[in-house]
């Protein structure tokens, strides 16, 4: 089996990506691997609205360097909860880039010659996934290395009925002895 020396963990600052980050941190610590945390910033989310007494003006985008600086600050804030795990790593690097998310993740994996990408898919509706696909699906198809998809544990719901399945039929919970 191939030794994992470089791990790429893309993040979008969501709780789902936090699960992937935790797994990537522990995997890097166990294997002594280098960890690269990547955030792909979206320049279209960085538009400001100005209001004057006369009316509204067309929004002006922030300069691209400001978008990257703000995303870097957000990444540092996101990683603060994991400082204890980060200190156990031999090498940790952070990068913030602009562009299409799936394309930039694959490009970074090629450029850095990573051995594994650890991602956390976002839960999307069926129609959105059908028409647009997910970032995790696109990266999995195009990546030059294996992609590990980590989902946070789902909460199990209790049996919604008061009937418990038996060998041949349903029993009431009192009859089943539970």
N, C-alpha and C. Protein backbone atom coordinates (compact mmCIF):
# COMPACT_ATOMS: atom_id res chain seq x y z
N UNK A 1 0.83 -1.18 0.00
CA UNK A 1 0.00 0.00 0.00
C UNK A 1 0.88 1.25 0.00
N UNK A 2 0.44 2.24 -0.73
CA UNK A 2 1.20 3.47 -0.89
C UNK A 2 1.18 4.29 0.41
N UNK A 3 2.31 4.83 0.77
CA UNK A 3 2.43 5.68 1.96
C UNK A 3 1.81 7.05 1.67
N UNK A 4 0.99 7.54 2.57
CA UNK A 4 0.37 8.86 2.42
C UNK A 4 1.33 9.89 3.01
N UNK A 5 1.87 10.76 2.13
CA UNK A 5 2.83 11.77 2.58
C UNK A 5 2.26 13.18 2.56
N UNK A 6 1.30 13.43 1.65
CA UNK A 6 0.66 14.75 1.55
C UNK A 6 -0.84 14.57 1.46
N UNK A 7 -1.54 15.32 2.30
CA UNK A 7 -3.00 15.25 2.33
C UNK A 7 -3.55 16.65 2.06
N UNK A 8 -4.53 16.72 1.18
CA UNK A 8 -5.21 17.97 0.86
C UNK A 8 -6.61 17.92 1.47
N UNK A 9 -6.94 18.95 2.26
CA UNK A 9 -8.28 19.05 2.86
C UNK A 9 -8.90 20.37 2.43
N UNK A 10 -9.81 20.35 1.45
CA UNK A 10 -10.52 21.57 1.08
C UNK A 10 -11.61 21.87 2.11
N UNK A 11 -11.85 23.14 2.37
CA UNK A 11 -12.87 23.52 3.34
C UNK A 11 -13.68 24.69 2.83
N UNK A 12 -14.95 24.71 3.21
CA UNK A 12 -15.82 25.83 2.89
C UNK A 12 -16.38 26.48 4.16
N UNK A 13 -15.77 26.16 5.30
CA UNK A 13 -16.11 26.69 6.62
C UNK A 13 -17.45 26.17 7.15
N UNK A 14 -18.00 25.14 6.55
CA UNK A 14 -19.26 24.57 7.05
C UNK A 14 -18.95 23.50 8.10
N UNK A 15 -19.98 23.10 8.83
CA UNK A 15 -19.80 22.04 9.82
C UNK A 15 -19.48 20.71 9.15
N UNK A 16 -20.01 20.48 7.96
CA UNK A 16 -19.66 19.26 7.23
C UNK A 16 -18.17 19.24 6.90
N UNK A 17 -17.62 20.37 6.47
CA UNK A 17 -16.19 20.38 6.15
C UNK A 17 -15.34 20.29 7.41
N UNK A 18 -15.90 20.65 8.55
CA UNK A 18 -15.18 20.49 9.82
C UNK A 18 -14.95 19.00 10.12
N UNK A 19 -15.92 18.16 9.76
CA UNK A 19 -15.76 16.71 9.96
C UNK A 19 -14.62 16.18 9.09
N UNK A 20 -14.53 16.64 7.85
CA UNK A 20 -13.43 16.25 6.98
C UNK A 20 -12.09 16.75 7.48
N UNK A 21 -12.09 17.97 8.03
CA UNK A 21 -10.86 18.54 8.57
C UNK A 21 -10.37 17.72 9.76
N UNK A 22 -11.28 17.36 10.67
CA UNK A 22 -10.90 16.54 11.83
C UNK A 22 -10.27 15.22 11.38
N UNK A 23 -10.89 14.58 10.39
CA UNK A 23 -10.36 13.31 9.91
C UNK A 23 -9.00 13.51 9.23
N UNK A 24 -8.87 14.55 8.44
CA UNK A 24 -7.60 14.84 7.78
C UNK A 24 -6.49 15.14 8.78
N UNK A 25 -6.83 15.88 9.86
CA UNK A 25 -5.84 16.18 10.90
C UNK A 25 -5.37 14.90 11.59
N UNK A 26 -6.30 14.02 11.94
CA UNK A 26 -5.91 12.80 12.64
C UNK A 26 -5.13 11.87 11.71
N UNK A 27 -5.52 11.80 10.45
CA UNK A 27 -4.82 10.96 9.49
C UNK A 27 -3.39 11.47 9.25
N UNK A 28 -3.24 12.76 9.17
CA UNK A 28 -1.90 13.34 8.98
C UNK A 28 -1.03 13.12 10.21
N UNK A 29 -1.62 13.23 11.40
CA UNK A 29 -0.85 13.02 12.62
C UNK A 29 -0.41 11.56 12.75
N UNK A 30 -1.29 10.62 12.41
CA UNK A 30 -0.96 9.19 12.52
C UNK A 30 0.13 8.79 11.53
N UNK A 31 0.11 9.35 10.33
CA UNK A 31 1.05 8.95 9.28
C UNK A 31 2.26 9.87 9.16
N UNK A 32 2.29 10.93 9.94
CA UNK A 32 3.39 11.89 9.82
C UNK A 32 3.38 12.60 8.48
N UNK A 33 2.19 12.79 7.93
CA UNK A 33 2.05 13.40 6.60
C UNK A 33 1.95 14.91 6.69
N UNK A 34 2.27 15.57 5.60
CA UNK A 34 2.08 17.02 5.47
C UNK A 34 0.61 17.27 5.17
N UNK A 35 0.06 18.31 5.74
CA UNK A 35 -1.35 18.64 5.52
C UNK A 35 -1.46 20.00 4.86
N UNK A 36 -2.23 20.05 3.80
CA UNK A 36 -2.50 21.30 3.09
C UNK A 36 -4.00 21.57 3.19
N UNK A 37 -4.36 22.68 3.81
CA UNK A 37 -5.76 23.07 3.93
C UNK A 37 -6.03 24.15 2.89
N UNK A 38 -7.03 23.90 2.06
CA UNK A 38 -7.33 24.78 0.94
C UNK A 38 -8.73 25.35 1.07
N UNK A 39 -8.83 26.65 0.85
CA UNK A 39 -10.14 27.29 0.75
C UNK A 39 -10.20 28.01 -0.60
N UNK A 40 -11.25 27.74 -1.34
CA UNK A 40 -11.44 28.42 -2.62
C UNK A 40 -12.46 29.52 -2.39
N UNK A 41 -11.99 30.76 -2.45
CA UNK A 41 -12.84 31.92 -2.19
C UNK A 41 -13.66 32.24 -3.44
N UNK A 42 -14.83 32.77 -3.21
CA UNK A 42 -15.73 33.14 -4.29
C UNK A 42 -15.79 34.66 -4.36
N UNK A 43 -15.27 35.20 -5.43
CA UNK A 43 -15.22 36.66 -5.53
C UNK A 43 -16.60 37.29 -5.70
N UNK A 44 -17.59 36.52 -6.12
CA UNK A 44 -18.92 37.08 -6.33
C UNK A 44 -19.68 37.28 -5.02
N UNK A 45 -19.22 36.64 -3.94
CA UNK A 45 -19.86 36.85 -2.64
C UNK A 45 -19.32 38.09 -1.94
N UNK A 46 -18.38 38.76 -2.54
CA UNK A 46 -17.71 39.88 -1.89
C UNK A 46 -18.13 41.22 -2.47
N UNK A 47 -19.35 41.33 -2.88
CA UNK A 47 -19.83 42.59 -3.41
C UNK A 47 -20.49 43.38 -2.28
N UNK A 48 -20.22 44.68 -2.24
CA UNK A 48 -20.80 45.53 -1.21
C UNK A 48 -21.90 46.39 -1.83
N UNK A 49 -22.95 46.61 -1.06
CA UNK A 49 -24.01 47.54 -1.49
C UNK A 49 -23.81 48.88 -0.78
N UNK A 50 -23.84 49.93 -1.56
CA UNK A 50 -23.71 51.28 -1.01
C UNK A 50 -25.08 51.96 -1.09
N UNK A 51 -25.40 52.73 -0.09
CA UNK A 51 -26.64 53.48 -0.16
C UNK A 51 -26.33 54.96 0.04
N UNK A 52 -26.91 55.78 -0.78
CA UNK A 52 -26.79 57.23 -0.68
C UNK A 52 -28.17 57.78 -0.40
N UNK A 53 -28.24 59.05 -0.11
CA UNK A 53 -29.55 59.66 0.13
C UNK A 53 -30.40 59.64 -1.13
N UNK A 54 -29.78 59.72 -2.29
CA UNK A 54 -30.52 59.77 -3.55
C UNK A 54 -31.06 58.40 -3.92
N UNK A 55 -30.28 57.37 -3.73
CA UNK A 55 -30.72 56.03 -4.12
C UNK A 55 -29.58 55.04 -4.01
N UNK A 56 -29.75 53.93 -4.61
CA UNK A 56 -28.73 52.88 -4.57
C UNK A 56 -27.83 52.98 -5.79
N UNK A 57 -26.58 52.68 -5.57
CA UNK A 57 -25.59 52.67 -6.62
C UNK A 57 -25.29 51.22 -6.99
N UNK A 58 -24.85 51.00 -8.20
CA UNK A 58 -24.47 49.66 -8.62
C UNK A 58 -23.32 49.19 -7.74
N UNK A 59 -23.40 47.96 -7.20
CA UNK A 59 -22.34 47.51 -6.29
C UNK A 59 -21.00 47.39 -6.99
N UNK A 60 -19.96 47.77 -6.26
CA UNK A 60 -18.59 47.64 -6.75
C UNK A 60 -17.95 46.44 -6.07
N UNK A 61 -17.26 45.62 -6.83
CA UNK A 61 -16.61 44.47 -6.18
C UNK A 61 -15.39 44.91 -5.39
N UNK A 62 -15.07 44.14 -4.37
CA UNK A 62 -13.84 44.38 -3.64
C UNK A 62 -12.66 44.05 -4.54
N UNK A 63 -11.51 44.66 -4.27
CA UNK A 63 -10.31 44.23 -5.00
C UNK A 63 -10.01 42.77 -4.66
N UNK A 64 -9.45 42.05 -5.61
CA UNK A 64 -9.24 40.61 -5.42
C UNK A 64 -8.32 40.31 -4.25
N UNK A 65 -7.33 41.17 -4.00
CA UNK A 65 -6.45 40.91 -2.87
C UNK A 65 -7.19 41.04 -1.54
N UNK A 66 -8.19 41.92 -1.48
CA UNK A 66 -8.99 42.05 -0.26
C UNK A 66 -9.86 40.80 -0.06
N UNK A 67 -10.39 40.25 -1.14
CA UNK A 67 -11.18 39.03 -1.05
C UNK A 67 -10.33 37.90 -0.48
N UNK A 68 -9.10 37.77 -0.97
CA UNK A 68 -8.20 36.73 -0.49
C UNK A 68 -7.82 36.97 0.98
N UNK A 69 -7.58 38.23 1.35
CA UNK A 69 -7.24 38.54 2.73
C UNK A 69 -8.40 38.21 3.68
N UNK A 70 -9.61 38.56 3.30
CA UNK A 70 -10.78 38.26 4.13
C UNK A 70 -10.98 36.75 4.25
N UNK A 71 -10.80 36.03 3.16
CA UNK A 71 -10.95 34.57 3.20
C UNK A 71 -9.86 33.93 4.06
N UNK A 72 -8.66 34.49 4.04
CA UNK A 72 -7.57 33.98 4.89
C UNK A 72 -7.89 34.20 6.36
N UNK A 73 -8.44 35.35 6.69
CA UNK A 73 -8.86 35.61 8.07
C UNK A 73 -9.96 34.63 8.50
N UNK A 74 -10.91 34.38 7.61
CA UNK A 74 -11.97 33.41 7.90
C UNK A 74 -11.40 32.01 8.11
N UNK A 75 -10.41 31.64 7.30
CA UNK A 75 -9.78 30.34 7.44
C UNK A 75 -9.06 30.22 8.78
N UNK A 76 -8.36 31.26 9.18
CA UNK A 76 -7.68 31.24 10.48
C UNK A 76 -8.67 31.11 11.63
N UNK A 77 -9.80 31.84 11.54
CA UNK A 77 -10.85 31.72 12.56
C UNK A 77 -11.44 30.31 12.58
N UNK A 78 -11.62 29.73 11.42
CA UNK A 78 -12.18 28.39 11.31
C UNK A 78 -11.25 27.35 11.95
N UNK A 79 -9.95 27.55 11.82
CA UNK A 79 -8.97 26.59 12.33
C UNK A 79 -8.68 26.75 13.82
N UNK A 80 -9.13 27.83 14.44
CA UNK A 80 -8.83 28.07 15.85
C UNK A 80 -9.35 26.96 16.76
N UNK A 81 -10.46 26.34 16.42
CA UNK A 81 -11.01 25.26 17.24
C UNK A 81 -10.14 24.01 17.21
N UNK A 82 -9.22 23.94 16.28
CA UNK A 82 -8.42 22.73 16.08
C UNK A 82 -6.93 22.95 16.38
N UNK A 83 -6.61 23.96 17.16
CA UNK A 83 -5.20 24.27 17.42
C UNK A 83 -4.48 23.13 18.12
N UNK A 84 -5.15 22.42 19.01
CA UNK A 84 -4.54 21.31 19.73
C UNK A 84 -4.10 20.21 18.74
N UNK A 85 -4.97 19.87 17.79
CA UNK A 85 -4.64 18.85 16.81
C UNK A 85 -3.58 19.35 15.82
N UNK A 86 -3.64 20.64 15.49
CA UNK A 86 -2.69 21.21 14.53
C UNK A 86 -1.27 21.16 15.08
N UNK A 87 -1.12 21.36 16.38
CA UNK A 87 0.22 21.35 16.98
C UNK A 87 0.89 19.99 16.92
N UNK A 88 0.12 18.93 16.71
CA UNK A 88 0.68 17.58 16.63
C UNK A 88 1.25 17.26 15.25
N UNK A 89 0.99 18.12 14.28
CA UNK A 89 1.43 17.86 12.90
C UNK A 89 2.85 18.33 12.69
N UNK A 90 3.53 17.64 11.77
CA UNK A 90 4.88 18.07 11.42
C UNK A 90 4.83 19.29 10.51
N UNK A 91 3.94 19.28 9.52
CA UNK A 91 3.83 20.39 8.58
C UNK A 91 2.38 20.66 8.25
N UNK A 92 1.98 21.91 8.38
CA UNK A 92 0.65 22.35 7.99
C UNK A 92 0.80 23.60 7.15
N UNK A 93 0.14 23.59 5.98
CA UNK A 93 0.13 24.79 5.15
C UNK A 93 -1.31 25.14 4.84
N UNK A 94 -1.56 26.44 4.68
CA UNK A 94 -2.89 26.93 4.33
C UNK A 94 -2.79 27.71 3.04
N UNK A 95 -3.77 27.52 2.17
CA UNK A 95 -3.81 28.29 0.93
C UNK A 95 -5.22 28.75 0.68
N UNK A 96 -5.34 29.96 0.15
CA UNK A 96 -6.62 30.53 -0.29
C UNK A 96 -6.43 30.94 -1.74
N UNK A 97 -7.32 30.44 -2.60
CA UNK A 97 -7.27 30.77 -4.01
C UNK A 97 -8.65 31.20 -4.48
N UNK A 98 -8.70 31.84 -5.63
CA UNK A 98 -9.96 32.27 -6.22
C UNK A 98 -10.28 31.43 -7.44
N UNK A 99 -11.55 31.16 -7.66
CA UNK A 99 -11.94 30.46 -8.87
C UNK A 99 -13.02 29.43 -8.66
N UNK A 100 -13.17 28.57 -9.66
CA UNK A 100 -14.14 27.49 -9.59
C UNK A 100 -13.65 26.45 -8.58
N UNK A 101 -14.51 26.04 -7.67
CA UNK A 101 -14.10 25.23 -6.53
C UNK A 101 -13.52 23.89 -6.97
N UNK A 102 -14.26 23.11 -7.74
CA UNK A 102 -13.79 21.78 -8.13
C UNK A 102 -12.51 21.87 -8.96
N UNK A 103 -12.47 22.80 -9.87
CA UNK A 103 -11.30 22.97 -10.73
C UNK A 103 -10.05 23.33 -9.92
N UNK A 104 -10.19 24.23 -8.97
CA UNK A 104 -9.05 24.66 -8.16
C UNK A 104 -8.56 23.55 -7.23
N UNK A 105 -9.48 22.75 -6.71
CA UNK A 105 -9.07 21.63 -5.84
C UNK A 105 -8.25 20.63 -6.64
N UNK A 106 -8.71 20.29 -7.83
CA UNK A 106 -7.99 19.34 -8.68
C UNK A 106 -6.64 19.93 -9.12
N UNK A 107 -6.62 21.21 -9.50
CA UNK A 107 -5.37 21.85 -9.88
C UNK A 107 -4.36 21.84 -8.74
N UNK A 108 -4.84 22.13 -7.52
CA UNK A 108 -3.94 22.16 -6.36
C UNK A 108 -3.42 20.75 -6.06
N UNK A 109 -4.26 19.76 -6.23
CA UNK A 109 -3.82 18.37 -6.00
C UNK A 109 -2.72 17.99 -6.99
N UNK A 110 -2.87 18.41 -8.23
CA UNK A 110 -1.82 18.12 -9.23
C UNK A 110 -0.54 18.90 -8.95
N UNK A 111 -0.71 20.19 -8.68
CA UNK A 111 0.44 21.07 -8.45
C UNK A 111 1.25 20.63 -7.23
N UNK A 112 0.58 20.27 -6.16
CA UNK A 112 1.26 19.91 -4.91
C UNK A 112 1.60 18.42 -4.84
N UNK A 113 1.15 17.63 -5.84
CA UNK A 113 1.38 16.20 -5.89
C UNK A 113 0.94 15.51 -4.60
N UNK A 114 -0.32 15.75 -4.20
CA UNK A 114 -0.85 15.17 -2.98
C UNK A 114 -1.18 13.69 -3.21
N UNK A 115 -1.17 12.94 -2.12
CA UNK A 115 -1.46 11.51 -2.17
C UNK A 115 -2.91 11.20 -1.86
N UNK A 116 -3.60 12.13 -1.20
CA UNK A 116 -4.98 11.89 -0.79
C UNK A 116 -5.71 13.22 -0.62
N UNK A 117 -6.95 13.26 -1.05
CA UNK A 117 -7.82 14.41 -0.81
C UNK A 117 -8.92 13.96 0.14
N UNK A 118 -9.11 14.69 1.23
CA UNK A 118 -10.16 14.38 2.20
C UNK A 118 -11.21 15.47 2.10
N UNK A 119 -12.43 15.09 1.69
CA UNK A 119 -13.51 16.07 1.49
C UNK A 119 -14.74 15.68 2.28
N UNK A 120 -15.58 16.65 2.53
CA UNK A 120 -16.88 16.42 3.15
C UNK A 120 -17.95 16.96 2.22
N UNK A 121 -18.81 16.09 1.70
CA UNK A 121 -19.85 16.58 0.79
C UNK A 121 -20.91 17.37 1.53
N UNK A 122 -21.48 18.32 0.84
CA UNK A 122 -22.60 19.09 1.39
C UNK A 122 -23.90 18.38 1.04
N UNK A 123 -24.84 18.37 1.96
CA UNK A 123 -26.13 17.76 1.62
C UNK A 123 -26.93 18.68 0.71
N UNK A 124 -27.18 18.25 -0.52
CA UNK A 124 -27.96 19.02 -1.47
C UNK A 124 -29.23 18.27 -1.80
N UNK A 125 -30.18 18.97 -2.33
CA UNK A 125 -31.41 18.33 -2.77
C UNK A 125 -31.15 17.47 -4.00
N UNK A 126 -32.06 16.56 -4.24
CA UNK A 126 -31.90 15.63 -5.35
C UNK A 126 -31.87 16.34 -6.70
N UNK A 127 -32.73 17.33 -6.89
CA UNK A 127 -32.76 18.03 -8.17
C UNK A 127 -31.48 18.81 -8.42
N UNK A 128 -31.00 19.51 -7.41
CA UNK A 128 -29.79 20.30 -7.57
C UNK A 128 -28.61 19.38 -7.89
N UNK A 129 -28.51 18.24 -7.20
CA UNK A 129 -27.42 17.31 -7.47
C UNK A 129 -27.54 16.73 -8.87
N UNK A 130 -28.78 16.45 -9.31
CA UNK A 130 -29.00 15.87 -10.63
C UNK A 130 -28.57 16.84 -11.73
N UNK A 131 -28.96 18.11 -11.61
CA UNK A 131 -28.68 19.06 -12.67
C UNK A 131 -27.27 19.64 -12.60
N UNK A 132 -26.80 19.94 -11.42
CA UNK A 132 -25.50 20.61 -11.29
C UNK A 132 -24.38 19.67 -10.87
N UNK A 133 -24.70 18.57 -10.22
CA UNK A 133 -23.66 17.70 -9.67
C UNK A 133 -23.10 18.34 -8.41
N UNK A 134 -22.29 17.61 -7.69
CA UNK A 134 -21.69 18.18 -6.49
C UNK A 134 -20.19 18.36 -6.71
N UNK A 135 -19.61 19.19 -5.89
CA UNK A 135 -18.17 19.44 -5.99
C UNK A 135 -17.41 18.15 -5.71
N UNK A 136 -17.87 17.39 -4.72
CA UNK A 136 -17.20 16.14 -4.39
C UNK A 136 -17.23 15.17 -5.57
N UNK A 137 -18.36 15.09 -6.27
CA UNK A 137 -18.44 14.22 -7.45
C UNK A 137 -17.47 14.66 -8.54
N UNK A 138 -17.41 15.95 -8.80
CA UNK A 138 -16.51 16.46 -9.84
C UNK A 138 -15.05 16.21 -9.49
N UNK A 139 -14.69 16.45 -8.23
CA UNK A 139 -13.31 16.24 -7.80
C UNK A 139 -12.96 14.76 -7.87
N UNK A 140 -13.89 13.90 -7.46
CA UNK A 140 -13.63 12.46 -7.49
C UNK A 140 -13.36 11.98 -8.92
N UNK A 141 -14.10 12.52 -9.89
CA UNK A 141 -13.90 12.11 -11.29
C UNK A 141 -12.59 12.62 -11.87
N UNK A 142 -12.15 13.81 -11.48
CA UNK A 142 -11.01 14.45 -12.14
C UNK A 142 -9.71 14.42 -11.35
N UNK A 143 -9.73 14.03 -10.11
CA UNK A 143 -8.54 14.11 -9.26
C UNK A 143 -7.47 13.11 -9.67
N UNK A 144 -6.20 13.50 -9.53
CA UNK A 144 -5.09 12.60 -9.88
C UNK A 144 -4.75 11.61 -8.76
N UNK A 145 -5.48 11.67 -7.64
CA UNK A 145 -5.21 10.81 -6.49
C UNK A 145 -6.53 10.36 -5.88
N UNK A 146 -6.51 9.44 -4.93
CA UNK A 146 -7.76 9.01 -4.29
C UNK A 146 -8.43 10.16 -3.53
N UNK A 147 -9.75 10.12 -3.49
CA UNK A 147 -10.55 11.11 -2.76
C UNK A 147 -11.34 10.37 -1.70
N UNK A 148 -11.17 10.78 -0.46
CA UNK A 148 -11.89 10.20 0.66
C UNK A 148 -13.00 11.14 1.05
N UNK A 149 -14.23 10.67 0.98
CA UNK A 149 -15.39 11.50 1.30
C UNK A 149 -15.85 11.16 2.71
N UNK A 150 -15.84 12.15 3.60
CA UNK A 150 -16.20 11.98 5.00
C UNK A 150 -17.47 12.77 5.28
N UNK A 151 -18.46 12.09 5.84
CA UNK A 151 -19.70 12.76 6.25
C UNK A 151 -19.79 12.73 7.77
N UNK A 152 -20.32 13.79 8.36
CA UNK A 152 -20.49 13.75 9.81
C UNK A 152 -21.53 12.68 10.16
N UNK A 153 -21.44 12.10 11.34
CA UNK A 153 -22.40 11.06 11.69
C UNK A 153 -23.82 11.61 11.71
N UNK A 154 -24.74 10.81 11.19
CA UNK A 154 -26.14 11.24 11.18
C UNK A 154 -26.80 10.80 12.47
N UNK A 155 -27.76 11.57 12.91
CA UNK A 155 -28.49 11.23 14.11
C UNK A 155 -29.53 10.17 13.79
N UNK A 156 -29.49 9.08 14.52
CA UNK A 156 -30.46 8.03 14.29
C UNK A 156 -31.75 8.37 15.02
N UNK A 157 -32.84 8.17 14.34
CA UNK A 157 -34.14 8.43 14.95
C UNK A 157 -34.66 7.13 15.54
N UNK A 158 -35.38 7.22 16.67
CA UNK A 158 -35.95 6.01 17.24
C UNK A 158 -37.08 5.48 16.35
N UNK A 159 -37.43 4.24 16.54
CA UNK A 159 -38.52 3.61 15.79
C UNK A 159 -39.78 4.44 16.00
N UNK A 160 -40.40 4.96 14.93
CA UNK A 160 -41.49 5.92 15.10
C UNK A 160 -42.80 5.31 15.59
N UNK A 161 -42.95 4.00 15.53
CA UNK A 161 -44.20 3.38 15.93
C UNK A 161 -44.07 2.74 17.30
N UNK A 162 -45.19 2.38 17.81
CA UNK A 162 -45.19 1.67 19.08
C UNK A 162 -45.23 0.17 18.86
N UNK A 163 -44.95 -0.23 17.64
CA UNK A 163 -44.93 -1.63 17.29
C UNK A 163 -43.49 -2.04 17.03
N UNK A 164 -43.13 -3.23 17.47
CA UNK A 164 -41.78 -3.72 17.31
C UNK A 164 -41.84 -4.94 16.39
N UNK A 165 -40.98 -5.01 15.36
CA UNK A 165 -41.03 -6.17 14.46
C UNK A 165 -40.63 -7.45 15.19
N UNK A 166 -41.35 -8.49 14.94
CA UNK A 166 -41.07 -9.81 15.49
C UNK A 166 -40.72 -10.73 14.33
N UNK A 167 -40.63 -12.01 14.60
CA UNK A 167 -40.25 -12.95 13.55
C UNK A 167 -41.31 -13.01 12.45
N UNK A 168 -42.58 -13.05 12.79
CA UNK A 168 -43.64 -13.20 11.81
C UNK A 168 -44.61 -12.05 11.76
N UNK A 169 -44.63 -11.19 12.77
CA UNK A 169 -45.60 -10.10 12.82
C UNK A 169 -45.10 -9.02 13.76
N UNK A 170 -45.83 -7.92 13.86
CA UNK A 170 -45.46 -6.83 14.75
C UNK A 170 -46.10 -7.05 16.12
N UNK A 171 -45.33 -6.81 17.18
CA UNK A 171 -45.84 -6.87 18.54
C UNK A 171 -45.84 -5.49 19.14
N UNK A 172 -46.71 -5.27 20.09
CA UNK A 172 -46.63 -4.03 20.83
C UNK A 172 -45.39 -4.03 21.70
N UNK A 173 -44.86 -2.86 22.04
CA UNK A 173 -43.62 -2.80 22.79
C UNK A 173 -43.76 -3.52 24.13
N UNK A 174 -44.90 -3.45 24.80
CA UNK A 174 -45.08 -4.12 26.08
C UNK A 174 -45.03 -5.62 25.91
N UNK A 175 -45.61 -6.14 24.85
CA UNK A 175 -45.60 -7.58 24.62
C UNK A 175 -44.21 -8.07 24.24
N UNK A 176 -43.44 -7.23 23.56
CA UNK A 176 -42.11 -7.62 23.12
C UNK A 176 -41.11 -7.59 24.26
N UNK A 177 -41.48 -6.98 25.37
CA UNK A 177 -40.60 -6.94 26.53
C UNK A 177 -39.59 -5.82 26.50
N UNK A 178 -39.87 -4.77 25.74
CA UNK A 178 -38.93 -3.63 25.70
C UNK A 178 -39.49 -2.44 26.39
